[in-house]
Amino acid sequence: MMNTLYSAFAIISLSGAAAAAPLPALNLDPDATTVSGLSSGAFMAVQLQVAYSGAIAGAGIVAGGPYDCADQSIWRALNVCMDPFFFGADPDRSLASMQALAEEERIDPLEDIAADRLYLFHGLSDDTVDRSTMDALLQTYQSLGVTAENLTYVTSVDAGHGFVTEQGQVSCDATRPDFLIDCDFDQAGDILNRLYDDLSQPVSTTQQGLVTFDQATYTGGALGMDDTGFVYVPADCATGQTCRLHIALHGCKQGREYIGEGYARLTGFNPWAEANRIVVLYPQASRIPSPWYNWFAGNPNGCWDWWGYAGADYLSRDAPQLSAIARMAAALGAPLAQSSATPR
């Protein structure tokens, strides 16, 4: 049954791509934007949070790691950040990288991160991204002044590598596509309740709430990005009520090419969004086939760029994928320019 749903999502997504419209202009609170991500999307969420820290009020990081962990090297990405061979992720090196870019004013001031709310998660059965990598991310945030009150680190769930959702079809401790895993645990709700105050309980979503949009309008030709994206717009937000923006970044092999609208429909963000006037933007990465002589040269699994496959600048505000997401947020009504972002 679930496979049939995925097939239907994929058909709808692919057939609707040509007719997709630009993003709607909404009434968004510019100081209440948050981000989350899984795996490559988690690394990307950290990059987005750091680059635009003046506008990002919080982040939910599921099986990711520190900023600039890979240092523009797929070898480091695989053998230092994901599955440490000789040594693991270094929080001090990550912090030094941030400080250098901040001094060059290529990212927002690091002081903005101290007030952010953070949700970190690593599953007990996750053998894809090592626990030490998430521990290094925790240390980085602590070095940046994030207090224990603003930081939640969940490590007690026997989850494999994936996003935990009550609509998942992968068993909790397993790691396999579509990486939407069922642990009788609402991770989307856990994330949003950490990032925002006093949320109402989730409600049924509207059929027309999930909108396909022309992502190519905003990518500027950035490598590794799909021409189509998704956004969930609650009914109140569509009628002009003041709303907040959450940016949800899928992991590898979870984009539209792989599971259609699956990540946008099944992660569990939308019911919370509908009840709490939160617009959820689902940018979509895409695969870049690797040449036969060099598998490392492309992006064969449709991951977000956290090791530099799209170019040397993948960490700053001007990085192709980061700036593309920023243009999407601005089009919706929440520019990622410097502001006094505080969780709400």
C-alpha atoms as a PDB file:
ATOM      1  CA  MET A   1       0.000   0.000   0.000  1.00  0.00           C
ATOM      2  CA  MET A   2       2.751   2.457   0.963  1.00  0.00           C
ATOM      3  CA  ASN A   3       4.688   1.658  -2.230  1.00  0.00           C
ATOM      4  CA  THR A   4       1.534   2.493  -4.191  1.00  0.00           C
ATOM      5  CA  LEU A   5       1.400   5.832  -2.389  1.00  0.00           C
ATOM      6  CA  TYR A   6       5.001   6.583  -3.323  1.00  0.00           C
ATOM      7  CA  SER A   7       4.294   5.726  -6.948  1.00  0.00           C
ATOM      8  CA  ALA A   8       1.320   8.056  -6.905  1.00  0.00           C
ATOM      9  CA  PHE A   9       3.382  10.831  -5.295  1.00  0.00           C
ATOM     10  CA  ALA A  10       6.100  10.410  -7.919  1.00  0.00           C
ATOM     11  CA  ILE A  11       3.625  10.497 -10.815  1.00  0.00           C
ATOM     12  CA  ILE A  12       1.944  13.621  -9.444  1.00  0.00           C
ATOM     13  CA  SER A  13       5.305  15.321  -8.859  1.00  0.00           C
ATOM     14  CA  LEU A  14       6.834  14.499 -12.209  1.00  0.00           C
ATOM     15  CA  SER A  15       3.720  15.212 -14.260  1.00  0.00           C
ATOM     16  CA  GLY A  16       3.144  18.513 -12.467  1.00  0.00           C
ATOM     17  CA  ALA A  17       6.671  19.846 -12.896  1.00  0.00           C
ATOM     18  CA  ALA A  18       6.066  21.611 -16.211  1.00  0.00           C
ATOM     19  CA  ALA A  19       3.052  23.509 -14.846  1.00  0.00           C
ATOM     20  CA  ALA A  20       4.622  24.455 -11.512  1.00  0.00           C
ATOM     21  CA  ALA A  21       4.245  28.102 -10.526  1.00  0.00           C
ATOM     22  CA  PRO A  22       6.610  30.362  -8.566  1.00  0.00           C
ATOM     23  CA  LEU A  23       6.351  30.462  -4.788  1.00  0.00           C
ATOM     24  CA  PRO A  24       3.457  32.456  -3.303  1.00  0.00           C
ATOM     25  CA  ALA A  25       4.207  35.701  -1.465  1.00  0.00           C
ATOM     26  CA  LEU A  26       2.967  35.263   2.112  1.00  0.00           C
ATOM     27  CA  ASN A  27       2.820  37.250   5.347  1.00  0.00           C
ATOM     28  CA  LEU A  28       5.728  35.712   7.267  1.00  0.00           C
ATOM     29  CA  ASP A  29       7.387  36.765  10.503  1.00  0.00           C
ATOM     30  CA  PRO A  30      11.004  37.384   9.412  1.00  0.00           C
ATOM     31  CA  ASP A  31      12.330  36.703  12.913  1.00  0.00           C
ATOM     32  CA  ALA A  32      10.841  33.221  13.323  1.00  0.00           C
ATOM     33  CA  THR A  33      12.510  31.177  10.586  1.00  0.00           C
ATOM     34  CA  THR A  34      13.921  27.763  11.498  1.00  0.00           C
ATOM     35  CA  VAL A  35      15.524  24.878   9.626  1.00  0.00           C
ATOM     36  CA  SER A  36      15.875  21.116   9.979  1.00  0.00           C
ATOM     37  CA  GLY A  37      17.499  18.329   8.033  1.00  0.00           C
ATOM     38  CA  LEU A  38      18.426  14.667   7.898  1.00  0.00           C
ATOM     39  CA  SER A  39      21.877  13.352   6.960  1.00  0.00           C
ATOM     40  CA  SER A  40      23.172  15.469   4.039  1.00  0.00           C
ATOM     41  CA  GLY A  41      20.197  17.729   4.754  1.00  0.00           C
ATOM     42  CA  ALA A  42      21.373  17.974   8.368  1.00  0.00           C
ATOM     43  CA  PHE A  43      24.862  19.068   7.326  1.00  0.00           C
ATOM     44  CA  MET A  44      23.186  21.528   4.930  1.00  0.00           C
ATOM     45  CA  ALA A  45      20.899  22.805   7.688  1.00  0.00           C
ATOM     46  CA  VAL A  46      23.968  23.604   9.803  1.00  0.00           C
ATOM     47  CA  GLN A  47      25.513  25.443   6.846  1.00  0.00           C
ATOM     48  CA  LEU A  48      22.310  27.441   6.317  1.00  0.00           C
ATOM     49  CA  GLN A  49      22.017  28.267  10.004  1.00  0.00           C
ATOM     50  CA  VAL A  50      25.619  29.455  10.216  1.00  0.00           C
ATOM     51  CA  ALA A  51      25.654  31.412   6.951  1.00  0.00           C
ATOM     52  CA  TYR A  52      22.391  33.198   7.767  1.00  0.00           C
ATOM     53  CA  SER A  53      22.533  33.126  11.555  1.00  0.00           C
ATOM     54  CA  GLY A  54      21.004  36.594  11.776  1.00  0.00           C
ATOM     55  CA  ALA A  55      17.760  35.236  10.346  1.00  0.00           C
ATOM     56  CA  ILE A  56      17.676  31.609  11.514  1.00  0.00           C
ATOM     57  CA  ALA A  57      16.220  31.254  15.014  1.00  0.00           C
ATOM     58  CA  GLY A  58      16.793  27.528  15.489  1.00  0.00           C
ATOM     59  CA  ALA A  59      17.749  24.233  13.883  1.00  0.00           C
ATOM     60  CA  GLY A  60      16.840  20.559  14.107  1.00  0.00           C
ATOM     61  CA  ILE A  61      19.772  18.337  13.151  1.00  0.00           C
ATOM     62  CA  VAL A  62      19.173  14.611  12.618  1.00  0.00           C
ATOM     63  CA  ALA A  63      22.308  12.536  11.960  1.00  0.00           C
ATOM     64  CA  GLY A  64      24.469  15.382  10.695  1.00  0.00           C
ATOM     65  CA  GLY A  65      27.659  16.999  11.885  1.00  0.00           C
ATOM     66  CA  PRO A  66      29.779  20.124  12.298  1.00  0.00           C
ATOM     67  CA  TYR A  67      30.085  22.981   9.843  1.00  0.00           C
ATOM     68  CA  ASP A  68      32.772  22.386   7.192  1.00  0.00           C
ATOM     69  CA  CYS A  69      33.407  18.878   8.482  1.00  0.00           C
ATOM     70  CA  ALA A  70      34.366  17.621   5.015  1.00  0.00           C
ATOM     71  CA  ASP A  71      36.735  20.496   4.146  1.00  0.00           C
ATOM     72  CA  GLN A  72      35.856  20.178   0.425  1.00  0.00           C
ATOM     73  CA  SER A  73      36.851  16.512   0.341  1.00  0.00           C
ATOM     74  CA  ILE A  74      34.599  13.547  -0.361  1.00  0.00           C
ATOM     75  CA  TRP A  75      37.258  11.373   1.278  1.00  0.00           C
ATOM     76  CA  ARG A  76      36.932  13.363   4.511  1.00  0.00           C
ATOM     77  CA  ALA A  77      33.146  13.307   4.215  1.00  0.00           C
ATOM     78  CA  LEU A  78      33.162   9.516   4.107  1.00  0.00           C
ATOM     79  CA  ASN A  79      36.119   8.666   6.354  1.00  0.00           C
ATOM     80  CA  VAL A  80      36.152  11.472   8.917  1.00  0.00           C
ATOM     81  CA  CYS A  81      32.591  12.766   9.174  1.00  0.00           C
ATOM     82  CA  MET A  82      30.470   9.685   8.502  1.00  0.00           C
ATOM     83  CA  ASP A  83      32.551   6.653   9.430  1.00  0.00           C
ATOM     84  CA  PRO A  84      35.798   7.818  11.074  1.00  0.00           C
ATOM     85  CA  PHE A  85      38.802   5.811   9.912  1.00  0.00           C
ATOM     86  CA  PHE A  86      41.814   7.298  11.711  1.00  0.00           C
ATOM     87  CA  PHE A  87      40.241  10.322  13.387  1.00  0.00           C
ATOM     88  CA  GLY A  88      36.810  11.916  13.629  1.00  0.00           C
ATOM     89  CA  ALA A  89      35.191  15.309  13.257  1.00  0.00           C
ATOM     90  CA  ASP A  90      37.068  18.126  14.986  1.00  0.00           C
ATOM     91  CA  PRO A  91      34.877  20.809  16.613  1.00  0.00           C
ATOM     92  CA  ASP A  92      37.838  23.182  16.964  1.00  0.00           C
ATOM     93  CA  ARG A  93      38.565  23.017  13.224  1.00  0.00           C
ATOM     94  CA  SER A  94      34.896  23.656  12.488  1.00  0.00           C
ATOM     95  CA  LEU A  95      34.871  26.663  14.785  1.00  0.00           C
ATOM     96  CA  ALA A  96      38.044  28.043  13.176  1.00  0.00           C
ATOM     97  CA  SER A  97      36.461  27.723   9.729  1.00  0.00           C
ATOM     98  CA  MET A  98      33.393  29.653  10.893  1.00  0.00           C
ATOM     99  CA  GLN A  99      35.519  32.360  12.487  1.00  0.00           C
ATOM    100  CA  ALA A 100      37.572  32.832   9.325  1.00  0.00           C
ATOM    101  CA  LEU A 101      34.488  33.247   7.128  1.00  0.00           C
ATOM    102  CA  ALA A 102      32.806  35.520   9.671  1.00  0.00           C
ATOM    103  CA  GLU A 103      35.885  37.766   9.752  1.00  0.00           C
ATOM    104  CA  GLU A 104      35.662  37.997   5.960  1.00  0.00           C
ATOM    105  CA  GLU A 105      31.931  38.834   6.341  1.00  0.00           C
ATOM    106  CA  ARG A 106      31.003  35.916   4.097  1.00  0.00           C
ATOM    107  CA  ILE A 107      28.689  34.552   6.789  1.00  0.00           C
ATOM    108  CA  ASP A 108      26.681  36.331   9.481  1.00  0.00           C
ATOM    109  CA  PRO A 109      28.273  37.112  12.875  1.00  0.00           C
ATOM    110  CA  LEU A 110      28.700  33.991  14.977  1.00  0.00           C
ATOM    111  CA  GLU A 111      27.309  35.761  18.043  1.00  0.00           C
ATOM    112  CA  ASP A 112      23.838  35.361  16.540  1.00  0.00           C
ATOM    113  CA  ILE A 113      23.943  31.584  17.068  1.00  0.00           C
ATOM    114  CA  ALA A 114      24.186  31.750  20.868  1.00  0.00           C
ATOM    115  CA  ALA A 115      20.463  32.501  21.272  1.00  0.00           C
ATOM    116  CA  ASP A 116      19.304  29.795  18.839  1.00  0.00           C
ATOM    117  CA  ARG A 117      17.293  26.776  19.899  1.00  0.00           C
ATOM    118  CA  LEU A 118      18.806  23.458  18.885  1.00  0.00           C
ATOM    119  CA  TYR A 119      17.461  19.941  18.537  1.00  0.00           C
ATOM    120  CA  LEU A 120      20.065  17.238  17.888  1.00  0.00           C
ATOM    121  CA  PHE A 121      19.305  13.565  17.262  1.00  0.00           C
ATOM    122  CA  HIS A 122      21.361  10.434  16.764  1.00  0.00           C
ATOM    123  CA  GLY A 123      19.802   6.966  16.658  1.00  0.00           C
ATOM    124  CA  LEU A 124      21.299   4.133  18.681  1.00  0.00           C
ATOM    125  CA  SER A 125      21.323   1.887  15.583  1.00  0.00           C
ATOM    126  CA  ASP A 126      22.644   4.525  13.173  1.00  0.00           C
ATOM    127  CA  ASP A 127      25.833   3.104  11.640  1.00  0.00           C
ATOM    128  CA  THR A 128      25.879   5.570   8.728  1.00  0.00           C
ATOM    129  CA  VAL A 129      26.866   8.741  10.590  1.00  0.00           C
ATOM    130  CA  ASP A 130      28.970   8.030  13.662  1.00  0.00           C
ATOM    131  CA  ARG A 131      27.759   9.252  17.048  1.00  0.00           C
ATOM    132  CA  SER A 132      31.086  11.048  17.553  1.00  0.00           C
ATOM    133  CA  THR A 133      30.249  13.351  14.644  1.00  0.00           C
ATOM    134  CA  MET A 134      27.070  14.541  16.327  1.00  0.00           C
ATOM    135  CA  ASP A 135      28.982  14.872  19.592  1.00  0.00           C
ATOM    136  CA  ALA A 136      31.429  17.162  17.774  1.00  0.00           C
ATOM    137  CA  LEU A 137      28.508  19.271  16.549  1.00  0.00           C
ATOM    138  CA  LEU A 138      27.237  19.522  20.117  1.00  0.00           C
ATOM    139  CA  GLN A 139      30.652  20.738  21.270  1.00  0.00           C
ATOM    140  CA  THR A 140      30.721  23.311  18.476  1.00  0.00           C
ATOM    141  CA  TYR A 141      27.384  24.763  19.556  1.00  0.00           C
ATOM    142  CA  GLN A 142      28.518  24.835  23.178  1.00  0.00           C
ATOM    143  CA  SER A 143      31.658  26.726  22.132  1.00  0.00           C
ATOM    144  CA  LEU A 144      29.426  29.244  20.352  1.00  0.00           C
ATOM    145  CA  GLY A 145      27.585  29.941  23.589  1.00  0.00           C
ATOM    146  CA  VAL A 146      24.385  27.935  23.144  1.00  0.00           C
ATOM    147  CA  THR A 147      23.129  27.177  26.648  1.00  0.00           C
ATOM    148  CA  ALA A 148      21.872  23.845  27.957  1.00  0.00           C
ATOM    149  CA  GLU A 149      18.407  25.385  28.257  1.00  0.00           C
ATOM    150  CA  ASN A 150      18.292  25.969  24.503  1.00  0.00           C
ATOM    151  CA  LEU A 151      19.735  22.616  23.478  1.00  0.00           C
ATOM    152  CA  THR A 152      18.136  19.173  23.275  1.00  0.00           C
ATOM    153  CA  TYR A 153      20.226  16.127  22.303  1.00  0.00           C
ATOM    154  CA  VAL A 154      18.256  12.902  21.828  1.00  0.00           C
ATOM    155  CA  THR A 155      20.352   9.720  21.784  1.00  0.00           C
ATOM    156  CA  SER A 156      18.069   7.169  23.447  1.00  0.00           C
ATOM    157  CA  VAL A 157      15.917   6.025  20.498  1.00  0.00           C
ATOM    158  CA  ASP A 158      16.929   2.725  18.861  1.00  0.00           C
ATOM    159  CA  ALA A 159      16.681   4.264  15.399  1.00  0.00           C
ATOM    160  CA  GLY A 160      18.676   3.508  12.302  1.00  0.00           C
ATOM    161  CA  HIS A 161      19.779   6.182   9.870  1.00  0.00           C
ATOM    162  CA  GLY A 162      16.646   8.034   8.861  1.00  0.00           C
ATOM    163  CA  PHE A 163      13.926  10.479   9.802  1.00  0.00           C
ATOM    164  CA  VAL A 164      11.575   9.079  12.427  1.00  0.00           C
ATOM    165  CA  THR A 165       7.920   9.388  11.469  1.00  0.00           C
ATOM    166  CA  GLU A 166       4.723   7.653  12.471  1.00  0.00           C
ATOM    167  CA  GLN A 167       4.018   7.183   8.767  1.00  0.00           C
ATOM    168  CA  GLY A 168       7.318   5.423   8.107  1.00  0.00           C
ATOM    169  CA  GLN A 169       7.452   1.960   6.562  1.00  0.00           C
ATOM    170  CA  VAL A 170      11.047   1.114   7.533  1.00  0.00           C
ATOM    171  CA  SER A 171      11.493  -0.653  10.879  1.00  0.00           C
ATOM    172  CA  CYS A 172      12.938   1.507  13.627  1.00  0.00           C
ATOM    173  CA  ASP A 173      16.437   0.040  13.885  1.00  0.00           C
ATOM    174  CA  ALA A 174      16.908  -0.440  10.126  1.00  0.00           C
ATOM    175  CA  THR A 175      18.759   1.723   7.620  1.00  0.00           C
ATOM    176  CA  ARG A 176      17.403   1.505   4.093  1.00  0.00           C
ATOM    177  CA  PRO A 177      15.463   3.570   1.557  1.00  0.00           C
ATOM    178  CA  ASP A 178      13.287   5.561   1.871  1.00  0.00           C
ATOM    179  CA  PHE A 179      14.927   6.371   5.228  1.00  0.00           C
ATOM    180  CA  LEU A 180      11.540   7.243   6.777  1.00  0.00           C
ATOM    181  CA  ILE A 181      11.537   5.001   9.835  1.00  0.00           C
ATOM    182  CA  ASP A 182       8.813   3.995  12.272  1.00  0.00           C
ATOM    183  CA  CYS A 183       9.801   4.149  15.941  1.00  0.00           C
ATOM    184  CA  ASP A 184       6.377   5.110  17.357  1.00  0.00           C
ATOM    185  CA  PHE A 185       7.829   8.573  17.773  1.00  0.00           C
ATOM    186  CA  ASP A 186       6.823  11.886  16.159  1.00  0.00           C
ATOM    187  CA  GLN A 187      10.171  13.464  15.334  1.00  0.00           C
ATOM    188  CA  ALA A 188       8.725  16.378  13.364  1.00  0.00           C
ATOM    189  CA  GLY A 189       6.639  17.316  16.384  1.00  0.00           C
ATOM    190  CA  ASP A 190       9.642  16.882  18.663  1.00  0.00           C
ATOM    191  CA  ILE A 191      11.688  19.244  16.494  1.00  0.00           C
ATOM    192  CA  LEU A 192       9.025  21.929  16.110  1.00  0.00           C
ATOM    193  CA  ASN A 193       8.160  21.894  19.811  1.00  0.00           C
ATOM    194  CA  ARG A 194      11.826  22.504  20.594  1.00  0.00           C
ATOM    195  CA  LEU A 195      12.114  25.347  18.068  1.00  0.00           C
ATOM    196  CA  TYR A 196       8.817  27.123  18.821  1.00  0.00           C
ATOM    197  CA  ASP A 197       6.848  27.914  21.979  1.00  0.00           C
ATOM    198  CA  ASP A 198       3.339  26.785  22.939  1.00  0.00           C
ATOM    199  CA  LEU A 199       2.364  24.813  19.847  1.00  0.00           C
ATOM    200  CA  SER A 200      -1.168  23.492  19.403  1.00  0.00           C
ATOM    201  CA  GLN A 201      -1.664  19.795  18.715  1.00  0.00           C
ATOM    202  CA  PRO A 202      -1.470  18.709  15.052  1.00  0.00           C
ATOM    203  CA  VAL A 203      -4.598  18.699  12.903  1.00  0.00           C
ATOM    204  CA  SER A 204      -5.576  17.228   9.562  1.00  0.00           C
ATOM    205  CA  THR A 205      -3.827  18.795   6.603  1.00  0.00           C
ATOM    206  CA  THR A 206      -5.616  20.283   3.619  1.00  0.00           C
ATOM    207  CA  GLN A 207      -5.365  18.549   0.258  1.00  0.00           C
ATOM    208  CA  GLN A 208      -4.387  21.792  -1.455  1.00  0.00           C
ATOM    209  CA  GLY A 209      -1.876  22.742   1.250  1.00  0.00           C
ATOM    210  CA  LEU A 210       1.109  20.992  -0.345  1.00  0.00           C
ATOM    211  CA  VAL A 211       2.083  23.064  -3.365  1.00  0.00           C
ATOM    212  CA  THR A 212       4.515  22.176  -6.145  1.00  0.00           C
ATOM    213  CA  PHE A 213       6.578  25.169  -7.249  1.00  0.00           C
ATOM    214  CA  ASP A 214       9.088  26.007  -9.962  1.00  0.00           C
ATOM    215  CA  GLN A 215      12.332  25.711  -8.014  1.00  0.00           C
ATOM    216  CA  ALA A 216      14.428  26.518 -11.100  1.00  0.00           C
ATOM    217  CA  THR A 217      13.245  30.133 -10.742  1.00  0.00           C
ATOM    218  CA  TYR A 218      15.429  30.426  -7.644  1.00  0.00           C
ATOM    219  CA  THR A 219      18.406  28.121  -8.193  1.00  0.00           C
ATOM    220  CA  GLY A 220      20.379  30.238 -10.644  1.00  0.00           C
ATOM    221  CA  GLY A 221      21.548  27.031 -12.279  1.00  0.00           C
ATOM    222  CA  ALA A 222      23.077  25.679  -9.056  1.00  0.00           C
ATOM    223  CA  LEU A 223      24.374  22.151  -9.502  1.00  0.00           C
ATOM    224  CA  GLY A 224      22.573  19.376  -7.675  1.00  0.00           C
ATOM    225  CA  MET A 225      19.195  21.104  -7.371  1.00  0.00           C
ATOM    226  CA  ASP A 226      15.915  19.899  -8.861  1.00  0.00           C
ATOM    227  CA  ASP A 227      13.782  22.122 -11.078  1.00  0.00           C
ATOM    228  CA  THR A 228      10.787  21.436  -8.825  1.00  0.00           C
ATOM    229  CA  GLY A 229      10.277  21.948  -5.095  1.00  0.00           C
ATOM    230  CA  PHE A 230       7.456  21.674  -2.568  1.00  0.00           C
ATOM    231  CA  VAL A 231       5.975  23.980   0.044  1.00  0.00           C
ATOM    232  CA  TYR A 232       3.198  23.359   2.545  1.00  0.00           C
ATOM    233  CA  VAL A 233       0.984  26.417   3.037  1.00  0.00           C
ATOM    234  CA  PRO A 234      -1.581  26.178   5.880  1.00  0.00           C
ATOM    235  CA  ALA A 235      -5.045  27.531   5.133  1.00  0.00           C
ATOM    236  CA  ASP A 236      -4.595  30.500   7.489  1.00  0.00           C
ATOM    237  CA  CYS A 237      -1.306  31.428   5.826  1.00  0.00           C
ATOM    238  CA  ALA A 238      -2.896  31.310   2.373  1.00  0.00           C
ATOM    239  CA  THR A 239      -5.448  33.911   3.491  1.00  0.00           C
ATOM    240  CA  GLY A 240      -2.897  36.435   4.749  1.00  0.00           C
ATOM    241  CA  GLN A 241      -2.497  35.572   8.436  1.00  0.00           C
ATOM    242  CA  THR A 242       0.968  36.117   9.928  1.00  0.00           C
ATOM    243  CA  CYS A 243       2.886  32.831   9.790  1.00  0.00           C
ATOM    244  CA  ARG A 244       6.354  31.426  10.433  1.00  0.00           C
ATOM    245  CA  LEU A 245       8.709  29.582   8.091  1.00  0.00           C
ATOM    246  CA  HIS A 246      10.370  26.216   8.643  1.00  0.00           C
ATOM    247  CA  ILE A 247      12.799  24.893   6.022  1.00  0.00           C
ATOM    248  CA  ALA A 248      12.946  21.067   5.917  1.00  0.00           C
ATOM    249  CA  LEU A 249      15.873  19.492   4.066  1.00  0.00           C
ATOM    250  CA  HIS A 250      15.688  15.850   2.996  1.00  0.00           C
ATOM    251  CA  GLY A 251      18.600  13.433   3.048  1.00  0.00           C
ATOM    252  CA  CYS A 252      20.335  11.516   0.268  1.00  0.00           C
ATOM    253  CA  LYS A 253      18.032   9.413  -1.923  1.00  0.00           C
ATOM    254  CA  GLN A 254      15.005  11.226  -0.485  1.00  0.00           C
ATOM    255  CA  GLY A 255      14.431  13.920  -3.081  1.00  0.00           C
ATOM    256  CA  ARG A 256      11.672  14.068  -5.687  1.00  0.00           C
ATOM    257  CA  GLU A 257      13.646  11.848  -8.071  1.00  0.00           C
ATOM    258  CA  TYR A 258      13.576   9.034  -5.514  1.00  0.00           C
ATOM    259  CA  ILE A 259      10.347   9.202  -3.492  1.00  0.00           C
ATOM    260  CA  GLY A 260       8.315  11.929  -5.185  1.00  0.00           C
ATOM    261  CA  GLU A 261       6.438  13.919  -2.550  1.00  0.00           C
ATOM    262  CA  GLY A 262       7.247  11.350   0.135  1.00  0.00           C
ATOM    263  CA  TYR A 263       9.473  13.527   2.321  1.00  0.00           C
ATOM    264  CA  ALA A 264       7.094  16.467   2.053  1.00  0.00           C
ATOM    265  CA  ARG A 265       4.008  14.383   2.869  1.00  0.00           C
ATOM    266  CA  LEU A 266       5.152  11.687   5.272  1.00  0.00           C
ATOM    267  CA  THR A 267       7.676  13.228   7.679  1.00  0.00           C
ATOM    268  CA  GLY A 268       4.897  14.653   9.861  1.00  0.00           C
ATOM    269  CA  PHE A 269       5.658  18.377   9.676  1.00  0.00           C
ATOM    270  CA  ASN A 270       2.480  19.379   7.841  1.00  0.00           C
ATOM    271  CA  PRO A 271      -0.144  18.524  10.513  1.00  0.00           C
ATOM    272  CA  TRP A 272       1.819  20.596  13.041  1.00  0.00           C
ATOM    273  CA  ALA A 273       2.233  23.338  10.460  1.00  0.00           C
ATOM    274  CA  GLU A 274      -1.503  23.486   9.745  1.00  0.00           C
ATOM    275  CA  ALA A 275      -2.330  23.838  13.447  1.00  0.00           C
ATOM    276  CA  ASN A 276       0.316  26.474  14.167  1.00  0.00           C
ATOM    277  CA  ARG A 277       0.551  28.687  11.076  1.00  0.00           C
ATOM    278  CA  ILE A 278       3.948  27.399  10.022  1.00  0.00           C
ATOM    279  CA  VAL A 279       4.797  27.350   6.320  1.00  0.00           C
ATOM    280  CA  VAL A 280       7.118  24.429   5.518  1.00  0.00           C
ATOM    281  CA  LEU A 281       9.504  24.819   2.587  1.00  0.00           C
ATOM    282  CA  TYR A 282      10.837  21.557   1.130  1.00  0.00           C
ATOM    283  CA  PRO A 283      13.706  22.406  -1.265  1.00  0.00           C
ATOM    284  CA  GLN A 284      14.744  19.502  -3.475  1.00  0.00           C
ATOM    285  CA  ALA A 285      18.260  18.325  -4.288  1.00  0.00           C
ATOM    286  CA  SER A 286      18.930  16.193  -7.362  1.00  0.00           C
ATOM    287  CA  ARG A 287      21.486  13.660  -8.459  1.00  0.00           C
ATOM    288  CA  ILE A 288      24.468  14.375 -10.703  1.00  0.00           C
ATOM    289  CA  PRO A 289      25.616  11.151 -12.384  1.00  0.00           C
ATOM    290  CA  SER A 290      29.284  10.398 -11.813  1.00  0.00           C
ATOM    291  CA  PRO A 291      31.520   9.625 -14.783  1.00  0.00           C
ATOM    292  CA  TRP A 292      32.460   5.957 -15.036  1.00  0.00           C
ATOM    293  CA  TYR A 293      36.091   6.738 -14.267  1.00  0.00           C
ATOM    294  CA  ASN A 294      35.463   8.774 -11.091  1.00  0.00           C
ATOM    295  CA  TRP A 295      32.482   8.011  -8.859  1.00  0.00           C
ATOM    296  CA  PHE A 296      33.580  10.738  -6.448  1.00  0.00           C
ATOM    297  CA  ALA A 297      33.189  13.528  -9.022  1.00  0.00           C
ATOM    298  CA  GLY A 298      29.397  13.750  -9.015  1.00  0.00           C
ATOM    299  CA  ASN A 299      26.449  13.532  -6.673  1.00  0.00           C
ATOM    300  CA  PRO A 300      24.980  10.142  -7.595  1.00  0.00           C
ATOM    301  CA  ASN A 301      22.699   9.879  -4.549  1.00  0.00           C
ATOM    302  CA  GLY A 302      20.960  13.244  -4.735  1.00  0.00           C
ATOM    303  CA  CYS A 303      22.605  14.638  -1.591  1.00  0.00           C
ATOM    304  CA  TRP A 304      22.888  18.250  -0.523  1.00  0.00           C
ATOM    305  CA  ASP A 305      26.295  19.815  -1.047  1.00  0.00           C
ATOM    306  CA  TRP A 306      28.224  19.551   2.198  1.00  0.00           C
ATOM    307  CA  TRP A 307      31.578  18.519   0.677  1.00  0.00           C
ATOM    308  CA  GLY A 308      31.924  20.879  -2.302  1.00  0.00           C
ATOM    309  CA  TYR A 309      30.644  18.965  -5.337  1.00  0.00           C
ATOM    310  CA  ALA A 310      28.893  22.111  -6.637  1.00  0.00           C
ATOM    311  CA  GLY A 311      31.962  24.329  -6.300  1.00  0.00           C
ATOM    312  CA  ALA A 312      34.628  25.577  -3.918  1.00  0.00           C
ATOM    313  CA  ASP A 313      32.209  27.964  -2.189  1.00  0.00           C
ATOM    314  CA  TYR A 314      29.576  25.800  -0.562  1.00  0.00           C
ATOM    315  CA  LEU A 315      29.649  27.330   2.926  1.00  0.00           C
ATOM    316  CA  SER A 316      29.080  31.084   2.604  1.00  0.00           C
ATOM    317  CA  ARG A 317      25.975  33.177   1.984  1.00  0.00           C
ATOM    318  CA  ASP A 318      26.952  33.219  -1.701  1.00  0.00           C
ATOM    319  CA  ALA A 319      27.227  29.430  -2.010  1.00  0.00           C
ATOM    320  CA  PRO A 320      25.015  28.294  -4.922  1.00  0.00           C
ATOM    321  CA  GLN A 321      22.700  25.996  -2.974  1.00  0.00           C
ATOM    322  CA  LEU A 322      22.542  28.143   0.165  1.00  0.00           C
ATOM    323  CA  SER A 323      21.764  31.311  -1.772  1.00  0.00           C
ATOM    324  CA  ALA A 324      19.129  29.441  -3.797  1.00  0.00           C
ATOM    325  CA  ILE A 325      17.325  28.430  -0.601  1.00  0.00           C
ATOM    326  CA  ALA A 326      17.652  32.015   0.645  1.00  0.00           C
ATOM    327  CA  ARG A 327      15.953  33.268  -2.524  1.00  0.00           C
ATOM    328  CA  MET A 328      13.099  30.808  -1.944  1.00  0.00           C
ATOM    329  CA  ALA A 329      12.674  32.033   1.631  1.00  0.00           C
ATOM    330  CA  ALA A 330      12.703  35.656   0.473  1.00  0.00           C
ATOM    331  CA  ALA A 331      10.103  34.932  -2.202  1.00  0.00           C
ATOM    332  CA  LEU A 332       7.818  33.460   0.466  1.00  0.00           C
ATOM    333  CA  GLY A 333       8.277  36.560   2.625  1.00  0.00           C
ATOM    334  CA  ALA A 334      11.098  35.644   5.022  1.00  0.00           C
ATOM    335  CA  PRO A 335      14.380  37.056   3.692  1.00  0.00           C
ATOM    336  CA  LEU A 336      17.458  35.506   5.243  1.00  0.00           C
ATOM    337  CA  ALA A 337      19.099  38.877   5.757  1.00  0.00           C
ATOM    338  CA  GLN A 338      20.509  39.857   9.127  1.00  0.00           C
ATOM    339  CA  SER A 339      17.759  40.469  11.674  1.00  0.00           C
ATOM    340  CA  SER A 340      17.105  39.976  15.369  1.00  0.00           C
ATOM    341  CA  ALA A 341      15.881  36.418  15.011  1.00  0.00           C
ATOM    342  CA  THR A 342      14.447  34.941  18.204  1.00  0.00           C
ATOM    343  CA  PRO A 343      12.484  31.703  18.640  1.00  0.00           C
ATOM    344  CA  ARG A 344       8.690  32.098  18.837  1.00  0.00           C
END
